[in-house]
Amino acid sequence: MTEPGPDPIRRRAATEVFRLANKTMESGMHRTVDKAPKGKGWVDCAMGPEGMMCRPDKVAEAIGYFAIAYEVFPDIVALNQIAIAHEIIGEKQEATDYFKRMKQQAEREKDDIYRQAAETGLARCQ
């Protein structure tokens, strides 16, 4: 007997929340080095290339949306985004916790790419 596949309704719902999380994250990131961001609240990212700026409140909001998406449908991509977002705003312990969860899930799913990504993230957080 085979196990049933992923629930398509939950996957669609999680995808919509994930899209909202991505839009929120994008509105909280500034990657153009030669052009200053408009508005208030911009700071240098704790992790990332030189010149990358973020609005920590928007990144934190995105983390919340990614977490909801993961609760609805536990896709490893959401764990990755949560961990990276915590890194961006300098929350190393939280990032470490999510990279560990990501590694465990990758090992259960036999996903070497995300396992390696989690290990790389854990090394950055040391």
PDB file of N, CA and C in Angstrom:
ATOM      1  N   MET A   1       0.841  -1.174   0.000  1.00  0.00           N
ATOM      2  CA  MET A   1       0.000   0.000   0.000  1.00  0.00           C
ATOM      3  C   MET A   1       0.894   1.249   0.000  1.00  0.00           C
ATOM      4  N   THR A   2       0.620   2.193  -0.875  1.00  0.00           N
ATOM      5  CA  THR A   2       1.418   3.422  -0.937  1.00  0.00           C
ATOM      6  C   THR A   2       0.772   4.494  -0.078  1.00  0.00           C
ATOM      7  N   GLU A   3       1.617   5.377   0.414  1.00  0.00           N
ATOM      8  CA  GLU A   3       1.119   6.483   1.216  1.00  0.00           C
ATOM      9  C   GLU A   3       0.475   7.519   0.309  1.00  0.00           C
ATOM     10  N   PRO A   4      -0.557   8.198   0.798  1.00  0.00           N
ATOM     11  CA  PRO A   4      -1.169   9.232  -0.025  1.00  0.00           C
ATOM     12  C   PRO A   4      -0.186  10.387  -0.233  1.00  0.00           C
ATOM     13  N   GLY A   5      -0.309  11.057  -1.364  1.00  0.00           N
ATOM     14  CA  GLY A   5       0.564  12.189  -1.662  1.00  0.00           C
ATOM     15  C   GLY A   5       0.194  13.393  -0.825  1.00  0.00           C
ATOM     16  N   PRO A   6       0.907  14.470  -1.028  1.00  0.00           N
ATOM     17  CA  PRO A   6       0.626  15.682  -0.260  1.00  0.00           C
ATOM     18  C   PRO A   6      -0.789  16.203  -0.549  1.00  0.00           C
ATOM     19  N   ASP A   7      -1.397  16.748   0.453  1.00  0.00           N
ATOM     20  CA  ASP A   7      -2.735  17.316   0.338  1.00  0.00           C
ATOM     21  C   ASP A   7      -2.680  18.565  -0.547  1.00  0.00           C
ATOM     22  N   PRO A   8      -3.300  18.529  -1.718  1.00  0.00           N
ATOM     23  CA  PRO A   8      -3.193  19.665  -2.644  1.00  0.00           C
ATOM     24  C   PRO A   8      -3.833  20.945  -2.116  1.00  0.00           C
ATOM     25  N   ILE A   9      -4.861  20.827  -1.303  1.00  0.00           N
ATOM     26  CA  ILE A   9      -5.511  22.024  -0.761  1.00  0.00           C
ATOM     27  C   ILE A   9      -4.582  22.717   0.232  1.00  0.00           C
ATOM     28  N   ARG A  10      -3.978  21.932   1.111  1.00  0.00           N
ATOM     29  CA  ARG A  10      -3.047  22.510   2.091  1.00  0.00           C
ATOM     30  C   ARG A  10      -1.830  23.090   1.380  1.00  0.00           C
ATOM     31  N   ARG A  11      -1.354  22.399   0.354  1.00  0.00           N
ATOM     32  CA  ARG A  11      -0.191  22.890  -0.401  1.00  0.00           C
ATOM     33  C   ARG A  11      -0.523  24.225  -1.064  1.00  0.00           C
ATOM     34  N   ARG A  12      -1.693  24.336  -1.684  1.00  0.00           N
ATOM     35  CA  ARG A  12      -2.088  25.601  -2.321  1.00  0.00           C
ATOM     36  C   ARG A  12      -2.205  26.721  -1.297  1.00  0.00           C
ATOM     37  N   ALA A  13      -2.800  26.419  -0.161  1.00  0.00           N
ATOM     38  CA  ALA A  13      -2.942  27.428   0.891  1.00  0.00           C
ATOM     39  C   ALA A  13      -1.569  27.887   1.376  1.00  0.00           C
ATOM     40  N   ALA A  14      -0.682  26.935   1.604  1.00  0.00           N
ATOM     41  CA  ALA A  14       0.667  27.275   2.064  1.00  0.00           C
ATOM     42  C   ALA A  14       1.404  28.089   0.998  1.00  0.00           C
ATOM     43  N   THR A  15       1.182  27.755  -0.261  1.00  0.00           N
ATOM     44  CA  THR A  15       1.832  28.490  -1.354  1.00  0.00           C
ATOM     45  C   THR A  15       1.396  29.949  -1.362  1.00  0.00           C
ATOM     46  N   GLU A  16       0.125  30.200  -1.128  1.00  0.00           N
ATOM     47  CA  GLU A  16      -0.363  31.585  -1.098  1.00  0.00           C
ATOM     48  C   GLU A  16       0.266  32.368   0.055  1.00  0.00           C
ATOM     49  N   VAL A  17       0.350  31.748   1.221  1.00  0.00           N
ATOM     50  CA  VAL A  17       0.977  32.419   2.365  1.00  0.00           C
ATOM     51  C   VAL A  17       2.471  32.617   2.089  1.00  0.00           C
ATOM     52  N   PHE A  18       3.098  31.628   1.455  1.00  0.00           N
ATOM     53  CA  PHE A  18       4.518  31.718   1.113  1.00  0.00           C
ATOM     54  C   PHE A  18       4.756  32.886   0.158  1.00  0.00           C
ATOM     55  N   ARG A  19       3.864  33.075  -0.807  1.00  0.00           N
ATOM     56  CA  ARG A  19       3.990  34.212  -1.731  1.00  0.00           C
ATOM     57  C   ARG A  19       3.899  35.538  -0.982  1.00  0.00           C
ATOM     58  N   LEU A  20       2.977  35.616  -0.032  1.00  0.00           N
ATOM     59  CA  LEU A  20       2.858  36.823   0.791  1.00  0.00           C
ATOM     60  C   LEU A  20       4.145  37.044   1.582  1.00  0.00           C
ATOM     61  N   ALA A  21       4.705  35.978   2.120  1.00  0.00           N
ATOM     62  CA  ALA A  21       5.965  36.073   2.867  1.00  0.00           C
ATOM     63  C   ALA A  21       7.075  36.593   1.967  1.00  0.00           C
ATOM     64  N   ASN A  22       7.154  36.075   0.744  1.00  0.00           N
ATOM     65  CA  ASN A  22       8.192  36.541  -0.189  1.00  0.00           C
ATOM     66  C   ASN A  22       8.029  38.018  -0.517  1.00  0.00           C
ATOM     67  N   LYS A  23       6.805  38.463  -0.764  1.00  0.00           N
ATOM     68  CA  LYS A  23       6.564  39.882  -1.066  1.00  0.00           C
ATOM     69  C   LYS A  23       6.961  40.756   0.125  1.00  0.00           C
ATOM     70  N   THR A  24       6.607  40.298   1.309  1.00  0.00           N
ATOM     71  CA  THR A  24       6.952  41.046   2.517  1.00  0.00           C
ATOM     72  C   THR A  24       8.463  41.114   2.690  1.00  0.00           C
ATOM     73  N   MET A  25       9.128  39.984   2.464  1.00  0.00           N
ATOM     74  CA  MET A  25      10.589  39.927   2.575  1.00  0.00           C
ATOM     75  C   MET A  25      11.227  40.869   1.555  1.00  0.00           C
ATOM     76  N   GLU A  26      10.737  40.843   0.331  1.00  0.00           N
ATOM     77  CA  GLU A  26      11.284  41.719  -0.706  1.00  0.00           C
ATOM     78  C   GLU A  26      11.114  43.191  -0.344  1.00  0.00           C
ATOM     79  N   SER A  27       9.985  43.539   0.278  1.00  0.00           N
ATOM     80  CA  SER A  27       9.773  44.943   0.652  1.00  0.00           C
ATOM     81  C   SER A  27      10.677  45.358   1.809  1.00  0.00           C
ATOM     82  N   GLY A  28      11.254  44.385   2.502  1.00  0.00           N
ATOM     83  CA  GLY A  28      12.147  44.671   3.617  1.00  0.00           C
ATOM     84  C   GLY A  28      13.617  44.512   3.286  1.00  0.00           C
ATOM     85  N   MET A  29      13.930  44.309   2.001  1.00  0.00           N
ATOM     86  CA  MET A  29      15.323  44.129   1.579  1.00  0.00           C
ATOM     87  C   MET A  29      15.686  45.173   0.526  1.00  0.00           C
ATOM     88  N   HIS A  30      16.933  45.628   0.572  1.00  0.00           N
ATOM     89  CA  HIS A  30      17.430  46.584  -0.415  1.00  0.00           C
ATOM     90  C   HIS A  30      18.790  46.092  -0.886  1.00  0.00           C
ATOM     91  N   ARG A  31      18.887  45.799  -2.186  1.00  0.00           N
ATOM     92  CA  ARG A  31      20.105  45.195  -2.715  1.00  0.00           C
ATOM     93  C   ARG A  31      20.888  46.099  -3.652  1.00  0.00           C
ATOM     94  N   THR A  32      20.395  47.268  -3.957  1.00  0.00           N
ATOM     95  CA  THR A  32      21.079  48.147  -4.897  1.00  0.00           C
ATOM     96  C   THR A  32      22.114  48.978  -4.150  1.00  0.00           C
ATOM     97  N   VAL A  33      23.375  48.678  -4.390  1.00  0.00           N
ATOM     98  CA  VAL A  33      24.458  49.317  -3.643  1.00  0.00           C
ATOM     99  C   VAL A  33      24.575  50.805  -3.965  1.00  0.00           C
ATOM    100  N   ASP A  34      24.354  51.205  -5.212  1.00  0.00           N
ATOM    101  CA  ASP A  34      24.580  52.596  -5.609  1.00  0.00           C
ATOM    102  C   ASP A  34      23.349  53.488  -5.468  1.00  0.00           C
ATOM    103  N   LYS A  35      22.268  52.967  -4.887  1.00  0.00           N
ATOM    104  CA  LYS A  35      21.038  53.744  -4.737  1.00  0.00           C
ATOM    105  C   LYS A  35      20.492  53.538  -3.324  1.00  0.00           C
ATOM    106  N   ALA A  36      20.401  54.617  -2.572  1.00  0.00           N
ATOM    107  CA  ALA A  36      19.929  54.523  -1.185  1.00  0.00           C
ATOM    108  C   ALA A  36      18.447  54.151  -1.147  1.00  0.00           C
ATOM    109  N   PRO A  37      18.037  53.349  -0.158  1.00  0.00           N
ATOM    110  CA  PRO A  37      16.619  53.006  -0.051  1.00  0.00           C
ATOM    111  C   PRO A  37      15.798  54.198   0.424  1.00  0.00           C
ATOM    112  N   LYS A  38      14.543  54.230   0.013  1.00  0.00           N
ATOM    113  CA  LYS A  38      13.641  55.300   0.438  1.00  0.00           C
ATOM    114  C   LYS A  38      12.901  54.850   1.690  1.00  0.00           C
ATOM    115  N   GLY A  39      12.568  55.799   2.538  1.00  0.00           N
ATOM    116  CA  GLY A  39      11.823  55.479   3.744  1.00  0.00           C
ATOM    117  C   GLY A  39      12.715  55.346   4.954  1.00  0.00           C
ATOM    118  N   LYS A  40      12.094  55.055   6.090  1.00  0.00           N
ATOM    119  CA  LYS A  40      12.811  54.955   7.357  1.00  0.00           C
ATOM    120  C   LYS A  40      12.927  53.510   7.797  1.00  0.00           C
ATOM    121  N   GLY A  41      13.863  53.276   8.694  1.00  0.00           N
ATOM    122  CA  GLY A  41      14.002  51.959   9.301  1.00  0.00           C
ATOM    123  C   GLY A  41      15.030  51.061   8.642  1.00  0.00           C
ATOM    124  N   TRP A  42      15.745  51.547   7.635  1.00  0.00           N
ATOM    125  CA  TRP A  42      16.729  50.726   6.940  1.00  0.00           C
ATOM    126  C   TRP A  42      18.028  50.650   7.733  1.00  0.00           C
ATOM    127  N   VAL A  43      18.551  49.440   7.864  1.00  0.00           N
ATOM    128  CA  VAL A  43      19.835  49.213   8.534  1.00  0.00           C
ATOM    129  C   VAL A  43      20.630  48.213   7.706  1.00  0.00           C
ATOM    130  N   ASP A  44      21.926  48.156   7.937  1.00  0.00           N
ATOM    131  CA  ASP A  44      22.742  47.140   7.273  1.00  0.00           C
ATOM    132  C   ASP A  44      22.316  45.767   7.759  1.00  0.00           C
ATOM    133  N   CYS A  45      22.273  44.807   6.857  1.00  0.00           N
ATOM    134  CA  CYS A  45      21.941  43.434   7.237  1.00  0.00           C
ATOM    135  C   CYS A  45      23.078  42.859   8.079  1.00  0.00           C
ATOM    136  N   ALA A  46      22.726  42.070   9.066  1.00  0.00           N
ATOM    137  CA  ALA A  46      23.732  41.434   9.908  1.00  0.00           C
ATOM    138  C   ALA A  46      24.543  40.429   9.109  1.00  0.00           C
ATOM    139  N   MET A  47      23.878  39.725   8.199  1.00  0.00           N
ATOM    140  CA  MET A  47      24.534  38.737   7.343  1.00  0.00           C
ATOM    141  C   MET A  47      24.179  39.084   5.902  1.00  0.00           C
ATOM    142  N   GLY A  48      25.133  38.960   5.027  1.00  0.00           N
ATOM    143  CA  GLY A  48      24.880  39.231   3.618  1.00  0.00           C
ATOM    144  C   GLY A  48      26.017  40.032   3.029  1.00  0.00           C
ATOM    145  N   PRO A  49      25.951  40.255   1.741  1.00  0.00           N
ATOM    146  CA  PRO A  49      27.019  41.005   1.092  1.00  0.00           C
ATOM    147  C   PRO A  49      27.056  42.462   1.546  1.00  0.00           C
ATOM    148  N   GLU A  50      28.200  43.074   1.386  1.00  0.00           N
ATOM    149  CA  GLU A  50      28.368  44.484   1.748  1.00  0.00           C
ATOM    150  C   GLU A  50      27.381  45.332   0.963  1.00  0.00           C
ATOM    151  N   GLY A  51      26.769  46.279   1.648  1.00  0.00           N
ATOM    152  CA  GLY A  51      25.818  47.168   1.004  1.00  0.00           C
ATOM    153  C   GLY A  51      24.374  46.691   1.072  1.00  0.00           C
ATOM    154  N   MET A  52      24.144  45.455   1.488  1.00  0.00           N
ATOM    155  CA  MET A  52      22.777  44.957   1.586  1.00  0.00           C
ATOM    156  C   MET A  52      22.136  45.534   2.843  1.00  0.00           C
ATOM    157  N   MET A  53      20.936  46.058   2.661  1.00  0.00           N
ATOM    158  CA  MET A  53      20.225  46.674   3.781  1.00  0.00           C
ATOM    159  C   MET A  53      18.866  46.007   3.949  1.00  0.00           C
ATOM    160  N   CYS A  54      18.320  46.143   5.168  1.00  0.00           N
ATOM    161  CA  CYS A  54      17.005  45.563   5.432  1.00  0.00           C
ATOM    162  C   CYS A  54      16.238  46.443   6.403  1.00  0.00           C
ATOM    163  N   ARG A  55      14.951  46.190   6.438  1.00  0.00           N
ATOM    164  CA  ARG A  55      14.086  46.769   7.462  1.00  0.00           C
ATOM    165  C   ARG A  55      13.706  45.608   8.375  1.00  0.00           C
ATOM    166  N   PRO A  56      14.317  45.524   9.550  1.00  0.00           N
ATOM    167  CA  PRO A  56      14.104  44.378  10.444  1.00  0.00           C
ATOM    168  C   PRO A  56      12.637  44.089  10.753  1.00  0.00           C
ATOM    169  N   ASP A  57      11.806  45.131  10.835  1.00  0.00           N
ATOM    170  CA  ASP A  57      10.390  44.893  11.124  1.00  0.00           C
ATOM    171  C   ASP A  57       9.719  44.132   9.987  1.00  0.00           C
ATOM    172  N   LYS A  58      10.065  44.434   8.751  1.00  0.00           N
ATOM    173  CA  LYS A  58       9.492  43.732   7.601  1.00  0.00           C
ATOM    174  C   LYS A  58      10.028  42.295   7.517  1.00  0.00           C
ATOM    175  N   VAL A  59      11.301  42.119   7.808  1.00  0.00           N
ATOM    176  CA  VAL A  59      11.882  40.774   7.784  1.00  0.00           C
ATOM    177  C   VAL A  59      11.226  39.911   8.861  1.00  0.00           C
ATOM    178  N   ALA A  60      11.010  40.487  10.035  1.00  0.00           N
ATOM    179  CA  ALA A  60      10.342  39.752  11.118  1.00  0.00           C
ATOM    180  C   ALA A  60       8.901  39.397  10.727  1.00  0.00           C
ATOM    181  N   GLU A  61       8.215  40.308  10.048  1.00  0.00           N
ATOM    182  CA  GLU A  61       6.859  40.027   9.574  1.00  0.00           C
ATOM    183  C   GLU A  61       6.881  38.860   8.579  1.00  0.00           C
ATOM    184  N   ALA A  62       7.869  38.873   7.693  1.00  0.00           N
ATOM    185  CA  ALA A  62       8.010  37.789   6.712  1.00  0.00           C
ATOM    186  C   ALA A  62       8.256  36.453   7.416  1.00  0.00           C
ATOM    187  N   ILE A  63       9.065  36.470   8.469  1.00  0.00           N
ATOM    188  CA  ILE A  63       9.317  35.241   9.233  1.00  0.00           C
ATOM    189  C   ILE A  63       7.990  34.662   9.728  1.00  0.00           C
ATOM    190  N   GLY A  64       7.124  35.521  10.228  1.00  0.00           N
ATOM    191  CA  GLY A  64       5.822  35.064  10.705  1.00  0.00           C
ATOM    192  C   GLY A  64       5.003  34.402   9.610  1.00  0.00           C
ATOM    193  N   TYR A  65       5.017  34.987   8.422  1.00  0.00           N
ATOM    194  CA  TYR A  65       4.283  34.401   7.295  1.00  0.00           C
ATOM    195  C   TYR A  65       4.904  33.073   6.851  1.00  0.00           C
ATOM    196  N   PHE A  66       6.239  33.027   6.794  1.00  0.00           N
ATOM    197  CA  PHE A  66       6.894  31.763   6.439  1.00  0.00           C
ATOM    198  C   PHE A  66       6.541  30.672   7.450  1.00  0.00           C
ATOM    199  N   ALA A  67       6.476  31.041   8.724  1.00  0.00           N
ATOM    200  CA  ALA A  67       6.141  30.068   9.767  1.00  0.00           C
ATOM    201  C   ALA A  67       4.711  29.550   9.590  1.00  0.00           C
ATOM    202  N   ILE A  68       3.789  30.435   9.230  1.00  0.00           N
ATOM    203  CA  ILE A  68       2.408  30.012   8.985  1.00  0.00           C
ATOM    204  C   ILE A  68       2.369  29.056   7.792  1.00  0.00           C
ATOM    205  N   ALA A  69       3.089  29.409   6.725  1.00  0.00           N
ATOM    206  CA  ALA A  69       3.130  28.549   5.543  1.00  0.00           C
ATOM    207  C   ALA A  69       3.651  27.160   5.919  1.00  0.00           C
ATOM    208  N   TYR A  70       4.673  27.117   6.773  1.00  0.00           N
ATOM    209  CA  TYR A  70       5.238  25.830   7.191  1.00  0.00           C
ATOM    210  C   TYR A  70       4.244  25.028   8.024  1.00  0.00           C
ATOM    211  N   GLU A  71       3.487  25.710   8.885  1.00  0.00           N
ATOM    212  CA  GLU A  71       2.482  25.017   9.701  1.00  0.00           C
ATOM    213  C   GLU A  71       1.401  24.400   8.823  1.00  0.00           C
ATOM    214  N   VAL A  72       1.002  25.114   7.778  1.00  0.00           N
ATOM    215  CA  VAL A  72      -0.047  24.627   6.890  1.00  0.00           C
ATOM    216  C   VAL A  72       0.455  23.444   6.070  1.00  0.00           C
ATOM    217  N   PHE A  73       1.670  23.568   5.548  1.00  0.00           N
ATOM    218  CA  PHE A  73       2.260  22.505   4.735  1.00  0.00           C
ATOM    219  C   PHE A  73       3.763  22.519   4.996  1.00  0.00           C
ATOM    220  N   PRO A  74       4.298  21.521   5.702  1.00  0.00           N
ATOM    221  CA  PRO A  74       5.691  21.547   6.168  1.00  0.00           C
ATOM    222  C   PRO A  74       6.733  21.331   5.057  1.00  0.00           C
ATOM    223  N   ASP A  75       6.851  22.315   4.196  1.00  0.00           N
ATOM    224  CA  ASP A  75       7.832  22.275   3.115  1.00  0.00           C
ATOM    225  C   ASP A  75       9.165  22.818   3.638  1.00  0.00           C
ATOM    226  N   ILE A  76      10.230  22.110   3.351  1.00  0.00           N
ATOM    227  CA  ILE A  76      11.561  22.472   3.854  1.00  0.00           C
ATOM    228  C   ILE A  76      12.023  23.850   3.365  1.00  0.00           C
ATOM    229  N   VAL A  77      11.496  24.296   2.240  1.00  0.00           N
ATOM    230  CA  VAL A  77      11.863  25.609   1.705  1.00  0.00           C
ATOM    231  C   VAL A  77      11.488  26.710   2.697  1.00  0.00           C
ATOM    232  N   ALA A  78      10.354  26.563   3.363  1.00  0.00           N
ATOM    233  CA  ALA A  78       9.932  27.558   4.353  1.00  0.00           C
ATOM    234  C   ALA A  78      10.905  27.600   5.525  1.00  0.00           C
ATOM    235  N   LEU A  79      11.371  26.433   5.987  1.00  0.00           N
ATOM    236  CA  LEU A  79      12.362  26.419   7.078  1.00  0.00           C
ATOM    237  C   LEU A  79      13.626  27.154   6.655  1.00  0.00           C
ATOM    238  N   ASN A  80      14.048  26.937   5.420  1.00  0.00           N
ATOM    239  CA  ASN A  80      15.233  27.603   4.908  1.00  0.00           C
ATOM    240  C   ASN A  80      15.040  29.120   4.928  1.00  0.00           C
ATOM    241  N   GLN A  81      13.898  29.586   4.459  1.00  0.00           N
ATOM    242  CA  GLN A  81      13.637  31.027   4.418  1.00  0.00           C
ATOM    243  C   GLN A  81      13.580  31.631   5.821  1.00  0.00           C
ATOM    244  N   ILE A  82      12.993  30.906   6.750  1.00  0.00           N
ATOM    245  CA  ILE A  82      12.924  31.386   8.136  1.00  0.00           C
ATOM    246  C   ILE A  82      14.336  31.525   8.707  1.00  0.00           C
ATOM    247  N   ALA A  83      15.158  30.509   8.511  1.00  0.00           N
ATOM    248  CA  ALA A  83      16.527  30.539   9.036  1.00  0.00           C
ATOM    249  C   ALA A  83      17.323  31.687   8.431  1.00  0.00           C
ATOM    250  N   ILE A  84      17.226  31.846   7.119  1.00  0.00           N
ATOM    251  CA  ILE A  84      17.971  32.921   6.451  1.00  0.00           C
ATOM    252  C   ILE A  84      17.486  34.288   6.923  1.00  0.00           C
ATOM    253  N   ALA A  85      16.176  34.447   7.078  1.00  0.00           N
ATOM    254  CA  ALA A  85      15.643  35.729   7.541  1.00  0.00           C
ATOM    255  C   ALA A  85      16.146  36.057   8.947  1.00  0.00           C
ATOM    256  N   HIS A  86      16.199  35.059   9.823  1.00  0.00           N
ATOM    257  CA  HIS A  86      16.747  35.292  11.165  1.00  0.00           C
ATOM    258  C   HIS A  86      18.215  35.716  11.071  1.00  0.00           C
ATOM    259  N   GLU A  87      18.951  35.097  10.170  1.00  0.00           N
ATOM    260  CA  GLU A  87      20.358  35.485   9.965  1.00  0.00           C
ATOM    261  C   GLU A  87      20.466  36.937   9.535  1.00  0.00           C
ATOM    262  N   ILE A  88      19.637  37.323   8.589  1.00  0.00           N
ATOM    263  CA  ILE A  88      19.688  38.670   8.021  1.00  0.00           C
ATOM    264  C   ILE A  88      19.542  39.736   9.102  1.00  0.00           C
ATOM    265  N   ILE A  89      18.678  39.477  10.075  1.00  0.00           N
ATOM    266  CA  ILE A  89      18.475  40.495  11.119  1.00  0.00           C
ATOM    267  C   ILE A  89      19.319  40.226  12.365  1.00  0.00           C
ATOM    268  N   GLY A  90      20.250  39.284  12.253  1.00  0.00           N
ATOM    269  CA  GLY A  90      21.224  39.081  13.317  1.00  0.00           C
ATOM    270  C   GLY A  90      20.783  38.187  14.455  1.00  0.00           C
ATOM    271  N   GLU A  91      19.737  37.422  14.266  1.00  0.00           N
ATOM    272  CA  GLU A  91      19.252  36.515  15.305  1.00  0.00           C
ATOM    273  C   GLU A  91      19.879  35.140  15.093  1.00  0.00           C
ATOM    274  N   LYS A  92      21.140  35.025  15.496  1.00  0.00           N
ATOM    275  CA  LYS A  92      21.906  33.805  15.224  1.00  0.00           C
ATOM    276  C   LYS A  92      21.346  32.562  15.907  1.00  0.00           C
ATOM    277  N   GLN A  93      20.904  32.695  17.139  1.00  0.00           N
ATOM    278  CA  GLN A  93      20.386  31.512  17.843  1.00  0.00           C
ATOM    279  C   GLN A  93      19.122  30.986  17.179  1.00  0.00           C
ATOM    280  N   GLU A  94      18.227  31.898  16.811  1.00  0.00           N
ATOM    281  CA  GLU A  94      17.005  31.484  16.135  1.00  0.00           C
ATOM    282  C   GLU A  94      17.334  30.857  14.787  1.00  0.00           C
ATOM    283  N   ALA A  95      18.282  31.463  14.055  1.00  0.00           N
ATOM    284  CA  ALA A  95      18.700  30.906  12.766  1.00  0.00           C
ATOM    285  C   ALA A  95      19.270  29.504  12.964  1.00  0.00           C
ATOM    286  N   THR A  96      20.096  29.342  13.977  1.00  0.00           N
ATOM    287  CA  THR A  96      20.687  28.029  14.282  1.00  0.00           C
ATOM    288  C   THR A  96      19.594  26.997  14.543  1.00  0.00           C
ATOM    289  N   ASP A  97      18.608  27.373  15.337  1.00  0.00           N
ATOM    290  CA  ASP A  97      17.508  26.447  15.645  1.00  0.00           C
ATOM    291  C   ASP A  97      16.789  25.997  14.372  1.00  0.00           C
ATOM    292  N   TYR A  98      16.531  26.925  13.478  1.00  0.00           N
ATOM    293  CA  TYR A  98      15.821  26.569  12.241  1.00  0.00           C
ATOM    294  C   TYR A  98      16.709  25.788  11.280  1.00  0.00           C
ATOM    295  N   PHE A  99      18.000  26.125  11.236  1.00  0.00           N
ATOM    296  CA  PHE A  99      18.895  25.331  10.389  1.00  0.00           C
ATOM    297  C   PHE A  99      18.977  23.883  10.902  1.00  0.00           C
ATOM    298  N   LYS A 100      18.933  23.702  12.228  1.00  0.00           N
ATOM    299  CA  LYS A 100      18.937  22.344  12.787  1.00  0.00           C
ATOM    300  C   LYS A 100      17.665  21.597  12.394  1.00  0.00           C
ATOM    301  N   ARG A 101      16.521  22.273  12.497  1.00  0.00           N
ATOM    302  CA  ARG A 101      15.255  21.641  12.090  1.00  0.00           C
ATOM    303  C   ARG A 101      15.291  21.291  10.604  1.00  0.00           C
ATOM    304  N   MET A 102      15.857  22.198   9.824  1.00  0.00           N
ATOM    305  CA  MET A 102      15.950  21.978   8.386  1.00  0.00           C
ATOM    306  C   MET A 102      16.828  20.769   8.084  1.00  0.00           C
ATOM    307  N   LYS A 103      17.945  20.656   8.785  1.00  0.00           N
ATOM    308  CA  LYS A 103      18.837  19.517   8.579  1.00  0.00           C
ATOM    309  C   LYS A 103      18.133  18.209   8.936  1.00  0.00           C
ATOM    310  N   GLN A 104      17.421  18.196  10.064  1.00  0.00           N
ATOM    311  CA  GLN A 104      16.700  16.984  10.475  1.00  0.00           C
ATOM    312  C   GLN A 104      15.656  16.589   9.427  1.00  0.00           C
ATOM    313  N   GLN A 105      14.913  17.567   8.930  1.00  0.00           N
ATOM    314  CA  GLN A 105      13.893  17.262   7.934  1.00  0.00           C
ATOM    315  C   GLN A 105      14.542  16.786   6.634  1.00  0.00           C
ATOM    316  N   ALA A 106      15.641  17.419   6.248  1.00  0.00           N
ATOM    317  CA  ALA A 106      16.342  17.008   5.026  1.00  0.00           C
ATOM    318  C   ALA A 106      16.844  15.568   5.150  1.00  0.00           C
ATOM    319  N   GLU A 107      17.327  15.208   6.317  1.00  0.00           N
ATOM    320  CA  GLU A 107      17.791  13.832   6.522  1.00  0.00           C
ATOM    321  C   GLU A 107      16.629  12.846   6.460  1.00  0.00           C
ATOM    322  N   ARG A 108      15.483  13.215   7.050  1.00  0.00           N
ATOM    323  CA  ARG A 108      14.300  12.339   6.970  1.00  0.00           C
ATOM    324  C   ARG A 108      13.837  12.171   5.525  1.00  0.00           C
ATOM    325  N   GLU A 109      13.904  13.258   4.769  1.00  0.00           N
ATOM    326  CA  GLU A 109      13.430  13.239   3.380  1.00  0.00           C
ATOM    327  C   GLU A 109      14.522  12.802   2.392  1.00  0.00           C
ATOM    328  N   LYS A 110      15.722  12.537   2.933  1.00  0.00           N
ATOM    329  CA  LYS A 110      16.867  12.144   2.100  1.00  0.00           C
ATOM    330  C   LYS A 110      17.152  13.187   1.018  1.00  0.00           C
ATOM    331  N   ASP A 111      17.161  14.452   1.437  1.00  0.00           N
ATOM    332  CA  ASP A 111      17.387  15.588   0.545  1.00  0.00           C
ATOM    333  C   ASP A 111      18.778  16.155   0.828  1.00  0.00           C
ATOM    334  N   ASP A 112      19.756  15.708   0.041  1.00  0.00           N
ATOM    335  CA  ASP A 112      21.145  16.112   0.269  1.00  0.00           C
ATOM    336  C   ASP A 112      21.387  17.602   0.045  1.00  0.00           C
ATOM    337  N   ILE A 113      20.682  18.201  -0.899  1.00  0.00           N
ATOM    338  CA  ILE A 113      20.884  19.630  -1.189  1.00  0.00           C
ATOM    339  C   ILE A 113      20.512  20.481   0.026  1.00  0.00           C
ATOM    340  N   TYR A 114      19.334  20.244   0.591  1.00  0.00           N
ATOM    341  CA  TYR A 114      18.921  21.039   1.756  1.00  0.00           C
ATOM    342  C   TYR A 114      19.700  20.648   3.010  1.00  0.00           C
ATOM    343  N   ARG A 115      20.133  19.409   3.104  1.00  0.00           N
ATOM    344  CA  ARG A 115      20.987  19.025   4.237  1.00  0.00           C
ATOM    345  C   ARG A 115      22.281  19.823   4.183  1.00  0.00           C
ATOM    346  N   GLN A 116      22.886  19.897   2.993  1.00  0.00           N
ATOM    347  CA  GLN A 116      24.132  20.664   2.831  1.00  0.00           C
ATOM    348  C   GLN A 116      23.895  22.153   3.088  1.00  0.00           C
ATOM    349  N   ALA A 117      22.759  22.674   2.606  1.00  0.00           N
ATOM    350  CA  ALA A 117      22.438  24.086   2.848  1.00  0.00           C
ATOM    351  C   ALA A 117      22.300  24.354   4.343  1.00  0.00           C
ATOM    352  N   ALA A 118      21.675  23.430   5.057  1.00  0.00           N
ATOM    353  CA  ALA A 118      21.522  23.580   6.508  1.00  0.00           C
ATOM    354  C   ALA A 118      22.878  23.552   7.199  1.00  0.00           C
ATOM    355  N   GLU A 119      23.738  22.638   6.784  1.00  0.00           N
ATOM    356  CA  GLU A 119      25.072  22.563   7.388  1.00  0.00           C
ATOM    357  C   GLU A 119      25.868  23.832   7.115  1.00  0.00           C
ATOM    358  N   THR A 120      25.747  24.379   5.919  1.00  0.00           N
ATOM    359  CA  THR A 120      26.432  25.627   5.581  1.00  0.00           C
ATOM    360  C   THR A 120      25.898  26.763   6.444  1.00  0.00           C
ATOM    361  N   GLY A 121      24.579  26.817   6.620  1.00  0.00           N
ATOM    362  CA  GLY A 121      23.976  27.838   7.471  1.00  0.00           C
ATOM    363  C   GLY A 121      24.411  27.709   8.922  1.00  0.00           C
ATOM    364  N   LEU A 122      24.471  26.476   9.399  1.00  0.00           N
ATOM    365  CA  LEU A 122      24.935  26.254  10.776  1.00  0.00           C
ATOM    366  C   LEU A 122      26.374  26.727  10.953  1.00  0.00           C
ATOM    367  N   ALA A 123      27.209  26.474   9.956  1.00  0.00           N
ATOM    368  CA  ALA A 123      28.604  26.922  10.029  1.00  0.00           C
ATOM    369  C   ALA A 123      28.692  28.445  10.062  1.00  0.00           C
ATOM    370  N   ARG A 124      27.837  29.119   9.294  1.00  0.00           N
ATOM    371  CA  ARG A 124      27.842  30.593   9.291  1.00  0.00           C
ATOM    372  C   ARG A 124      27.439  31.150  10.648  1.00  0.00           C
ATOM    373  N   CYS A 125      26.567  30.432  11.340  1.00  0.00           N
ATOM    374  CA  CYS A 125      26.036  30.924  12.625  1.00  0.00           C
ATOM    375  C   CYS A 125      26.978  30.656  13.803  1.00  0.00           C
ATOM    376  N   GLN A 126      28.059  29.950  13.582  1.00  0.00           N
ATOM    377  CA  GLN A 126      29.003  29.648  14.664  1.00  0.00           C
ATOM    378  C   GLN A 126      29.718  30.873  15.140  1.00  0.00           C
TER     379      GLN A 126
END
